[in-house]
Protein backbone atom coordinates (compact mmCIF):
# COMPACT_ATOMS: atom_id res chain seq x y z
CA MET A 1 26.78 -8.04 0.03
CA ILE A 2 24.07 -10.24 2.36
CA ASN A 3 24.63 -14.30 2.26
CA GLN A 4 20.55 -14.66 1.99
CA LYS A 5 21.17 -18.36 3.04
CA ALA A 6 23.17 -17.65 6.06
CA LEU A 7 21.18 -14.97 7.45
CA ALA A 8 17.85 -17.61 6.97
CA GLY A 9 20.27 -19.88 8.71
CA ALA A 10 20.42 -17.42 11.40
CA MET A 11 17.52 -16.64 11.99
CA LYS A 12 15.99 -19.91 12.10
CA ARG A 13 18.44 -20.95 14.72
CA MET A 14 17.48 -18.51 16.58
CA GLY A 15 13.86 -18.97 16.11
CA ILE A 16 12.70 -16.04 13.81
CA GLN A 17 10.46 -16.78 11.23
CA GLN A 18 9.96 -14.30 8.20
CA VAL A 19 7.32 -13.75 5.45
CA GLU A 20 6.97 -11.74 3.01
CA LEU A 21 2.93 -10.17 2.29
CA ASP A 22 2.17 -9.14 -0.81
CA ALA A 23 0.24 -5.08 0.16
CA GLU A 24 -0.68 -2.94 -2.13
CA GLU A 25 -0.52 -0.32 0.02
CA VAL A 26 -0.54 0.91 3.98
CA VAL A 27 -1.47 3.76 5.19
CA ILE A 28 -0.89 4.62 8.81
CA ARG A 29 -3.65 6.58 10.49
CA LEU A 30 -1.90 9.62 12.67
CA LYS A 31 -4.26 12.26 14.34
CA GLU A 32 -3.58 14.80 11.88
CA TYR A 33 -2.94 13.35 8.90
CA ASP A 34 -2.30 9.80 7.00
CA LEU A 35 0.82 8.24 5.95
CA VAL A 36 0.64 6.74 2.83
CA PHE A 37 2.26 4.17 1.37
CA THR A 38 1.54 2.51 -1.96
CA ASN A 39 3.37 -0.95 -2.94
CA PRO A 40 5.26 -1.18 -0.20
CA GLN A 41 7.33 -4.19 0.90
CA VAL A 42 5.80 -5.47 4.14
CA ALA A 43 7.80 -8.58 6.27
CA LYS A 44 6.01 -10.32 8.61
CA ILE A 45 8.19 -11.31 11.64
CA ASN A 46 7.40 -13.75 13.88
CA MET A 47 11.08 -13.91 17.19
CA MET A 48 9.50 -16.99 19.62
CA GLY A 49 5.87 -16.06 19.56
CA GLN A 50 5.53 -12.33 19.02
CA GLU A 51 5.00 -10.99 15.91
CA THR A 52 6.10 -7.12 14.14
CA TYR A 53 5.93 -6.31 10.54
CA GLN A 54 8.32 -4.39 9.03
CA LEU A 55 7.27 -1.89 6.08
CA LEU A 56 9.66 -0.24 3.50
CA GLY A 57 8.79 2.16 1.62
CA THR A 58 8.15 5.89 0.45
CA PRO A 59 5.00 7.45 2.45
CA GLN A 60 2.62 10.31 0.98
CA LYS A 61 1.08 12.49 4.01
CA ARG A 62 -2.63 12.71 2.85
CA SER A 63 -4.74 15.04 5.21
CA ARG A 64 -7.84 13.07 6.14
CA GLU A 65 -10.18 16.08 5.49
CA THR A 66 -9.89 15.92 2.35
CA VAL A 67 -9.12 12.52 1.08
CA PRO A 68 -12.01 10.51 -0.65
CA GLU A 69 -13.03 6.84 0.35
CA PHE A 70 -12.42 4.97 -2.30
CA THR A 71 -10.68 1.23 -2.87
CA THR A 72 -8.27 -0.16 -4.96
CA GLU A 73 -10.91 -1.78 -6.97
CA ASP A 74 -12.35 1.17 -7.81
CA VAL A 75 -8.99 2.35 -9.35
CA LYS A 76 -9.09 -0.72 -11.09
CA THR A 77 -12.26 -0.03 -12.58
CA VAL A 78 -11.49 3.19 -13.63
CA MET A 79 -8.38 1.89 -15.26
CA GLU A 80 -9.89 -0.51 -17.48
CA GLN A 81 -12.77 1.40 -18.18
CA ALA A 82 -10.71 4.80 -19.27
CA HIS A 83 -7.46 2.82 -20.18
CA VAL A 84 -5.38 4.85 -18.22
CA ASP A 85 -2.54 4.26 -15.56
CA GLU A 86 -2.89 3.93 -12.22
CA ALA A 87 -1.85 7.78 -11.56
CA ALA A 88 -4.26 9.16 -13.64
CA ALA A 89 -7.09 6.90 -12.12
CA ARG A 90 -6.25 8.40 -8.82
CA ASN A 91 -6.03 11.65 -9.68
CA ALA A 92 -9.62 11.33 -11.35
CA LEU A 93 -11.40 9.32 -8.28
CA GLN A 94 -9.73 12.55 -6.31
CA LYS A 95 -10.97 15.06 -8.03
CA THR A 96 -14.48 13.52 -8.45
CA LYS A 97 -14.47 12.45 -4.76
CA GLY A 98 -14.69 8.90 -5.27
CA ASP A 99 -17.10 8.78 -8.01
CA ILE A 100 -16.28 6.15 -10.41
CA ALA A 101 -18.80 6.66 -13.08
CA GLN A 102 -17.91 11.10 -12.61
CA ALA A 103 -13.78 9.98 -12.92
CA ILE A 104 -14.43 7.42 -16.03
CA LEU A 105 -16.35 10.19 -17.99
CA SER A 106 -14.06 13.72 -16.41
CA ILE A 107 -10.99 11.10 -18.40
CA SER A 108 -13.20 10.26 -21.61
């Protein structure tokens, strides 16, 4: 097991700063499809003025032509109004092409 205190000290001596980011979703847009990471672990690393990002998680491959546009807030609204979990809310929004009212009605 890695000693986190020792690791943090070594990083500080080398001029490396790491900040964990509270990310809900990360989307990487490729030419033919998107890679979507839901609830990933994301860290911003600053090493001698150079910022990089580290992403940990399992991606889902999504085709861009069939992905409706909806936000995390849309998902939360459907979850609250229809009293369902996130997966059910996202599924309903996908089936209704992002129409919040129709998604709620389709579940109820």
